[in-house]
Amino acid sequence: MSNIKIIGDSLPNIPWQDKPENCCTPVWRYSENPIIDRNPLPNVARIFNSAVLPYGDGFIGVFRGEQRDGIPHIYLGRSNDAVHWEFESERIQFTDKNGELFMPKYAYDPRLIKVEDTYYIMWCQDGYGATIGIAQTKDFKTFVRLENPFLPYNRNAVLFPRKINGNYVMLSRPCDNGHTAFGDIFLSESPDMEFWGRHRHVMGRSENWWENLKIGGGAAPIETDKGWLLFYHGVVNTCNGYVYSIGAAILDINEPSRVLHRCKNYILAPEEWYEERGFVPNVCFPCATLTDADTGRIAIYYGCADSYVGVAFTTVQDIWDYIIKFDSVNESDTEIGIR
């Protein structure tokens, strides 16, 4: 199989554990999972489905904090090693462009992506129905909300880490007002992070059992010399409820609505106690990665059973080889996404 390289920055302090000798999968879990336990703050019962990035000499993250009143909001956390986290006691205070406080009614499943010199936070919120909220910051002190990019109903917004053909590009998953039993990944473009269009279909649910109900974006796509590496979630409805697993695909570098390769197998599914047992059992939900271009190492951050945060490891070569070995890309995937 051919070699693959990450296009990006070096991260020598990326959290890492070598692959266990008896591991037969392309992804392996951190032995000290979960890295965030229950009741992390006085008024927060659970943190999960959260995103992290390098920042300064350490790391910073935005975390879904399920408050004790049952309403989710976003909390800021900092870490020296991306494993042990300290959280601000109060939820992030968002403002409008005039500096006036402008808080969402609720906010969950945040992603955090840096594009050029600005950090963008995306989450799901109420916009007269579930839709996408966006804010920007440059210093993690002030957080200015932008206009909602889409109409309800929509979830799982994931921004690409650089502009493509001069535009910002975002993945999302249109849905309905409930816990939707369908969902495909779409792509939209914007020249200014305010007006969005050129909507394209990227991927749909498949005949693979673990993703035959719905799919949705996960971590921000990773740029490689073979295309964009995308970790996403797939859902199956079993006799005991929904099961969320993690899948992987490669998107075209210049036209990412085209899927080049798509792995038939999941790369991580609920198996450990912290993935199988929790507020919502049987969930592995990816929201972020850390990458080191020099070594090809990747650390995947994922929510566990809507109760914990876990970390898993792979290398870009391991995951590429696995995707190619079990490639099941279909004609609908390879279309440009317009009908």
Protein backbone atom coordinates (compact mmCIF):
# COMPACT_ATOMS: atom_id res chain seq x y z
CA MET A 1 0.00 0.00 0.00
CA SER A 2 1.11 3.56 -0.68
CA ASN A 3 2.42 5.94 1.96
CA ILE A 4 0.39 8.89 3.22
CA LYS A 5 1.47 12.07 5.01
CA ILE A 6 -0.34 14.64 7.13
CA ILE A 7 -0.10 18.18 5.78
CA GLY A 8 0.12 20.44 8.80
CA ASP A 9 2.13 21.44 11.83
CA SER A 10 4.36 19.41 14.09
CA LEU A 11 3.06 18.71 17.58
CA PRO A 12 5.88 17.03 19.53
CA ASN A 13 3.86 17.08 22.79
CA ILE A 14 0.86 15.25 21.34
CA PRO A 15 -0.51 12.76 23.89
CA TRP A 16 0.52 9.29 22.88
CA GLN A 17 0.70 5.60 23.78
CA ASP A 18 2.26 3.02 21.50
CA LYS A 19 0.03 0.41 19.93
CA PRO A 20 -0.34 -2.65 22.19
CA GLU A 21 1.27 -5.79 20.83
CA ASN A 22 -2.01 -7.72 20.86
CA CYS A 23 -4.01 -4.95 19.14
CA CYS A 24 -5.53 -6.07 15.82
CA THR A 25 -7.42 -2.86 15.01
CA PRO A 26 -6.19 0.43 13.48
CA VAL A 27 -7.23 2.44 16.55
CA TRP A 28 -6.39 1.76 20.18
CA ARG A 29 -7.71 3.31 23.38
CA TYR A 30 -5.75 5.25 25.98
CA SER A 31 -5.18 2.92 28.91
CA GLU A 32 -6.24 5.58 31.44
CA ASN A 33 -9.65 6.33 29.85
CA PRO A 34 -11.89 8.07 30.60
CA ILE A 35 -9.81 11.23 30.91
CA ILE A 36 -12.79 13.24 32.23
CA ASP A 37 -15.00 11.64 34.83
CA ARG A 38 -18.44 12.57 36.11
CA ASN A 39 -19.15 15.67 38.23
CA PRO A 40 -16.12 17.66 37.00
CA LEU A 41 -17.52 20.97 38.28
CA PRO A 42 -19.92 21.83 41.13
CA ASN A 43 -22.84 22.56 38.80
CA VAL A 44 -21.90 20.18 35.97
CA ALA A 45 -22.87 16.52 36.17
CA ARG A 46 -21.17 15.29 33.00
CA ILE A 47 -18.73 16.48 30.35
CA PHE A 48 -18.63 14.69 26.99
CA ASN A 49 -18.69 15.36 23.20
CA SER A 50 -15.98 18.03 23.39
CA ALA A 51 -13.18 19.46 21.23
CA VAL A 52 -9.54 20.42 21.86
CA LEU A 53 -6.69 22.19 20.04
CA PRO A 54 -3.06 23.13 20.69
CA TYR A 55 -2.77 26.62 22.18
CA GLY A 56 0.40 28.35 23.34
CA ASP A 57 2.61 25.85 25.14
CA GLY A 58 -0.34 23.63 26.00
CA PHE A 59 -3.88 22.87 24.92
CA ILE A 60 -7.30 24.44 25.09
CA GLY A 61 -10.75 22.99 24.66
CA VAL A 62 -14.48 23.63 24.53
CA PHE A 63 -16.52 21.13 26.49
CA ARG A 64 -20.16 20.12 26.55
CA GLY A 65 -21.12 20.53 30.18
CA GLU A 66 -24.44 18.97 31.10
CA GLN A 67 -25.62 21.11 33.99
CA ARG A 68 -27.55 19.75 36.94
CA ASP A 69 -30.70 21.41 35.64
CA GLY A 70 -30.36 19.24 32.53
CA ILE A 71 -29.49 22.12 30.18
CA PRO A 72 -26.18 21.78 28.25
CA HIS A 73 -23.78 24.69 27.82
CA ILE A 74 -20.18 25.11 26.70
CA TYR A 75 -17.32 25.40 29.16
CA LEU A 76 -13.68 26.33 28.53
CA GLY A 77 -10.84 24.09 29.66
CA ARG A 78 -7.04 24.24 29.61
CA SER A 79 -4.38 21.56 29.88
CA ASN A 80 -0.63 21.15 29.82
CA ASP A 81 -0.76 17.63 28.37
CA ALA A 82 -4.22 17.35 26.71
CA VAL A 83 -5.13 14.62 29.19
CA HIS A 84 -5.52 16.35 32.56
CA TRP A 85 -7.89 19.31 32.31
CA GLU A 86 -8.82 22.31 34.41
CA PHE A 87 -12.14 23.96 33.64
CA GLU A 88 -13.45 27.45 34.14
CA SER A 89 -16.27 27.31 36.67
CA GLU A 90 -18.68 29.39 34.60
CA ARG A 91 -19.91 28.62 31.11
CA ILE A 92 -18.49 30.63 28.19
CA GLN A 93 -20.04 34.08 27.95
CA PHE A 94 -20.95 34.81 24.34
CA THR A 95 -21.62 38.31 23.04
CA ASP A 96 -22.96 39.85 19.87
CA LYS A 97 -20.83 42.04 17.58
CA ASN A 98 -21.60 45.06 19.76
CA GLY A 99 -20.23 43.40 22.88
CA GLU A 100 -23.64 42.80 24.44
CA LEU A 101 -24.23 39.47 26.19
CA PHE A 102 -25.89 37.06 23.74
CA MET A 103 -26.25 33.60 25.24
CA PRO A 104 -27.86 30.60 23.52
CA LYS A 105 -30.77 28.94 25.31
CA TYR A 106 -28.71 25.75 25.21
CA ALA A 107 -25.52 24.65 23.47
CA TYR A 108 -24.10 21.18 22.94
CA ASP A 109 -21.59 19.06 21.00
CA PRO A 110 -19.10 21.87 20.28
CA ARG A 111 -16.30 21.71 17.73
CA LEU A 112 -13.25 23.96 17.81
CA ILE A 113 -11.30 24.74 14.63
CA LYS A 114 -8.64 27.31 13.81
CA VAL A 115 -8.77 28.90 10.37
CA GLU A 116 -5.94 31.32 9.65
CA ASP A 117 -5.65 33.53 12.76
CA THR A 118 -9.14 32.93 14.19
CA TYR A 119 -10.65 30.17 16.30
CA TYR A 120 -14.24 29.14 15.54
CA ILE A 121 -16.59 27.29 17.87
CA MET A 122 -19.60 25.50 16.39
CA TRP A 123 -22.37 23.84 18.36
CA CYS A 124 -26.01 22.83 18.19
CA GLN A 125 -28.47 25.31 19.66
CA ASP A 126 -32.06 26.53 19.48
CA GLY A 127 -32.74 28.75 16.48
CA TYR A 128 -36.53 28.26 16.58
CA GLY A 129 -35.64 24.59 16.25
CA ALA A 130 -32.32 22.79 16.51
CA THR A 131 -29.68 24.41 14.34
CA ILE A 132 -26.05 25.55 14.28
CA GLY A 133 -24.49 28.27 16.41
CA ILE A 134 -21.08 29.79 15.63
CA ALA A 135 -18.77 32.07 17.56
CA GLN A 136 -15.25 33.34 16.95
CA THR A 137 -12.37 34.27 19.22
CA LYS A 138 -8.70 35.11 18.91
CA ASP A 139 -7.76 35.16 22.59
CA PHE A 140 -10.28 32.85 24.36
CA LYS A 141 -11.33 35.84 26.44
CA THR A 142 -14.02 37.31 24.22
CA PHE A 143 -16.36 35.11 22.18
CA VAL A 144 -18.42 36.84 19.50
CA ARG A 145 -21.39 35.00 18.01
CA LEU A 146 -21.97 35.08 14.27
CA GLU A 147 -25.22 34.63 12.39
CA ASN A 148 -26.64 31.12 12.30
CA PRO A 149 -25.42 29.56 9.03
CA PHE A 150 -28.48 27.36 8.35
CA LEU A 151 -32.20 27.13 8.92
CA PRO A 152 -33.54 24.56 11.37
CA TYR A 153 -33.19 21.69 11.53
CA ASN A 154 -29.48 20.96 11.48
CA ARG A 155 -26.76 19.46 13.68
CA ASN A 156 -23.12 18.33 13.66
CA ALA A 157 -21.43 21.34 12.08
CA VAL A 158 -17.73 20.82 11.35
CA LEU A 159 -15.56 23.49 9.74
CA PHE A 160 -12.59 22.59 7.54
CA PRO A 161 -9.29 23.93 8.95
CA ARG A 162 -8.53 26.04 5.90
CA LYS A 163 -10.34 27.71 3.05
CA ILE A 164 -10.85 25.68 -0.11
CA ASN A 165 -10.90 27.55 -3.43
CA GLY A 166 -11.13 30.79 -1.45
CA ASN A 167 -14.17 29.87 0.64
CA TYR A 168 -14.81 28.61 4.14
CA VAL A 169 -16.24 25.08 3.97
CA MET A 170 -18.45 23.41 6.56
CA LEU A 171 -19.97 19.96 6.96
CA SER A 172 -23.40 19.60 8.56
CA ARG A 173 -26.19 17.08 9.00
CA PRO A 174 -29.70 18.32 8.15
CA CYS A 175 -32.30 16.60 10.32
CA ASP A 176 -35.76 17.00 11.81
CA ASN A 177 -36.89 18.34 15.17
CA GLY A 178 -36.69 15.03 16.99
CA HIS A 179 -33.93 12.53 17.61
CA THR A 180 -33.97 12.04 13.88
CA ALA A 181 -33.94 8.55 12.45
CA PHE A 182 -32.21 9.68 9.28
CA GLY A 183 -29.29 11.87 8.30
CA ASP A 184 -26.67 12.43 5.63
CA ILE A 185 -23.59 14.64 5.65
CA PHE A 186 -23.76 17.76 3.48
CA LEU A 187 -21.20 20.46 2.63
CA SER A 188 -21.71 24.23 2.36
CA GLU A 189 -19.43 27.13 1.41
CA SER A 190 -19.16 30.75 2.49
CA PRO A 191 -16.96 33.69 1.46
CA ASP A 192 -17.34 35.43 4.83
CA MET A 193 -18.72 33.00 7.51
CA GLU A 194 -22.10 34.75 7.21
CA PHE A 195 -23.69 33.85 3.89
CA TRP A 196 -23.70 30.13 3.09
CA GLY A 197 -24.51 28.34 -0.15
CA ARG A 198 -23.27 25.89 -2.79
CA HIS A 199 -24.71 23.07 -0.72
CA ARG A 200 -23.45 19.63 -1.74
CA HIS A 201 -24.26 16.11 -0.61
CA VAL A 202 -21.17 14.31 0.69
CA MET A 203 -22.12 10.97 2.22
CA GLY A 204 -25.26 9.10 3.19
CA ARG A 205 -26.01 6.20 5.47
CA SER A 206 -24.96 2.89 4.01
CA GLU A 207 -25.83 -0.80 4.03
CA ASN A 208 -23.08 -1.37 6.58
CA TRP A 209 -25.00 -2.33 9.71
CA TRP A 210 -23.22 0.07 12.06
CA GLU A 211 -24.19 3.16 9.99
CA ASN A 212 -27.46 2.13 8.36
CA LEU A 213 -29.65 4.60 10.31
CA LYS A 214 -27.77 7.91 10.05
CA ILE A 215 -24.31 9.44 9.98
CA GLY A 216 -22.84 12.80 10.99
CA GLY A 217 -19.61 14.77 10.95
CA GLY A 218 -17.14 14.27 13.75
CA ALA A 219 -13.69 15.79 14.06
CA ALA A 220 -12.46 18.53 11.73
CA PRO A 221 -11.09 16.93 8.55
CA ILE A 222 -7.34 16.29 8.56
CA GLU A 223 -5.44 17.41 5.46
CA THR A 224 -3.20 14.74 3.91
CA ASP A 225 -1.46 14.30 0.59
CA LYS A 226 -4.18 11.77 -0.35
CA GLY A 227 -7.16 13.96 0.53
CA TRP A 228 -9.10 14.99 3.63
CA LEU A 229 -9.21 12.32 6.32
CA LEU A 230 -12.63 12.45 7.98
CA PHE A 231 -13.61 10.72 11.21
CA TYR A 232 -17.41 10.64 11.52
CA HIS A 233 -20.08 8.86 13.55
CA GLY A 234 -22.47 6.21 12.30
CA VAL A 235 -25.62 5.00 14.05
CA VAL A 236 -27.55 1.72 14.05
CA ASN A 237 -30.87 1.09 15.77
CA THR A 238 -30.78 -2.15 17.73
CA CYS A 239 -33.37 -3.94 19.89
CA ASN A 240 -31.68 -2.16 22.82
CA GLY A 241 -31.58 1.32 21.27
CA TYR A 242 -29.15 3.38 19.20
CA VAL A 243 -25.45 2.50 18.99
CA TYR A 244 -22.93 5.16 17.90
CA SER A 245 -19.63 4.06 16.32
CA ILE A 246 -16.76 5.89 14.63
CA GLY A 247 -16.03 5.55 10.91
CA ALA A 248 -13.41 6.96 8.53
CA ALA A 249 -13.34 8.24 4.95
CA ILE A 250 -11.13 10.18 2.55
CA LEU A 251 -12.56 13.22 0.72
CA ASP A 252 -11.21 14.88 -2.41
CA ILE A 253 -8.78 17.67 -1.46
CA ASN A 254 -10.21 20.32 -3.81
CA GLU A 255 -13.81 19.06 -4.13
CA PRO A 256 -14.57 17.50 -0.73
CA SER A 257 -18.16 16.67 -1.63
CA ARG A 258 -16.56 13.76 -3.52
CA VAL A 259 -15.70 10.76 -1.35
CA LEU A 260 -12.62 8.93 -2.62
CA HIS A 261 -12.52 6.10 -0.09
CA ARG A 262 -14.90 4.97 2.65
CA CYS A 263 -14.19 2.24 5.14
CA LYS A 264 -16.73 -0.57 5.28
CA ASN A 265 -15.84 -1.33 8.91
CA TYR A 266 -16.15 0.96 11.90
CA ILE A 267 -12.81 1.90 13.45
CA LEU A 268 -14.11 2.19 17.02
CA ALA A 269 -17.36 0.95 18.57
CA PRO A 270 -18.62 0.77 22.16
CA GLU A 271 -16.80 -2.04 23.95
CA GLU A 272 -15.38 -0.64 27.20
CA TRP A 273 -17.50 0.02 30.32
CA TYR A 274 -17.29 3.81 29.92
CA GLU A 275 -18.61 3.53 26.34
CA GLU A 276 -21.33 0.99 27.09
CA ARG A 277 -22.60 2.30 30.43
CA GLY A 278 -23.66 5.87 31.03
CA PHE A 279 -26.45 8.41 30.70
CA VAL A 280 -26.91 7.31 27.07
CA PRO A 281 -25.32 3.87 26.71
CA ASN A 282 -23.36 2.55 23.73
CA VAL A 283 -21.94 5.78 22.33
CA CYS A 284 -18.55 6.60 20.78
CA PHE A 285 -18.90 10.13 19.37
CA PRO A 286 -15.82 11.80 17.80
CA CYS A 287 -15.46 15.59 18.09
CA ALA A 288 -11.75 16.40 17.68
CA THR A 289 -8.28 15.18 16.82
CA LEU A 290 -4.75 16.28 17.58
CA THR A 291 -2.18 15.53 14.89
CA ASP A 292 1.59 15.58 14.52
CA ALA A 293 2.68 15.92 10.90
CA ASP A 294 6.25 14.81 11.68
CA THR A 295 5.30 11.37 13.02
CA GLY A 296 1.82 10.92 11.55
CA ARG A 297 0.38 10.40 15.02
CA ILE A 298 -3.30 11.13 15.65
CA ALA A 299 -5.12 11.39 18.98
CA ILE A 300 -8.92 11.12 18.65
CA TYR A 301 -11.12 12.73 21.32
CA TYR A 302 -14.56 11.21 21.63
CA GLY A 303 -17.59 11.33 23.90
CA CYS A 304 -18.40 8.11 25.75
CA ALA A 305 -21.99 7.14 26.66
CA ASP A 306 -22.91 10.84 27.06
CA SER A 307 -21.02 10.72 30.35
CA TYR A 308 -17.25 10.80 29.79
CA VAL A 309 -14.45 11.86 27.43
CA GLY A 310 -12.08 9.26 26.02
CA VAL A 311 -8.97 9.35 23.86
CA ALA A 312 -7.89 6.84 21.23
CA PHE A 313 -4.76 6.70 19.10
CA THR A 314 -3.79 5.82 15.56
CA THR A 315 -1.37 6.92 12.87
CA VAL A 316 -2.32 8.34 9.51
CA GLN A 317 -0.63 5.34 7.86
CA ASP A 318 -2.51 2.81 10.00
CA ILE A 319 -5.86 4.39 9.29
CA TRP A 320 -5.14 4.88 5.58
CA ASP A 321 -4.13 1.25 5.15
CA TYR A 322 -7.30 0.11 6.93
CA ILE A 323 -9.58 2.34 4.86
CA ILE A 324 -8.03 1.11 1.61
CA LYS A 325 -8.17 -2.54 2.68
CA PHE A 326 -11.88 -2.30 3.48
CA ASP A 327 -12.86 0.38 0.98
CA SER A 328 -16.58 0.32 0.09
CA VAL A 329 -17.04 3.69 -1.61
CA ASN A 330 -20.13 3.70 -3.85
CA GLU A 331 -21.35 5.69 -6.84
CA SER A 332 -23.40 8.09 -4.71
CA ASP A 333 -20.32 8.86 -2.59
CA THR A 334 -18.17 9.74 -5.59
CA GLU A 335 -20.67 12.17 -7.11
CA ILE A 336 -20.00 15.88 -6.83
CA GLY A 337 -23.16 16.10 -4.73
CA ILE A 338 -25.52 18.01 -7.03
CA ARG A 339 -28.75 16.61 -8.47
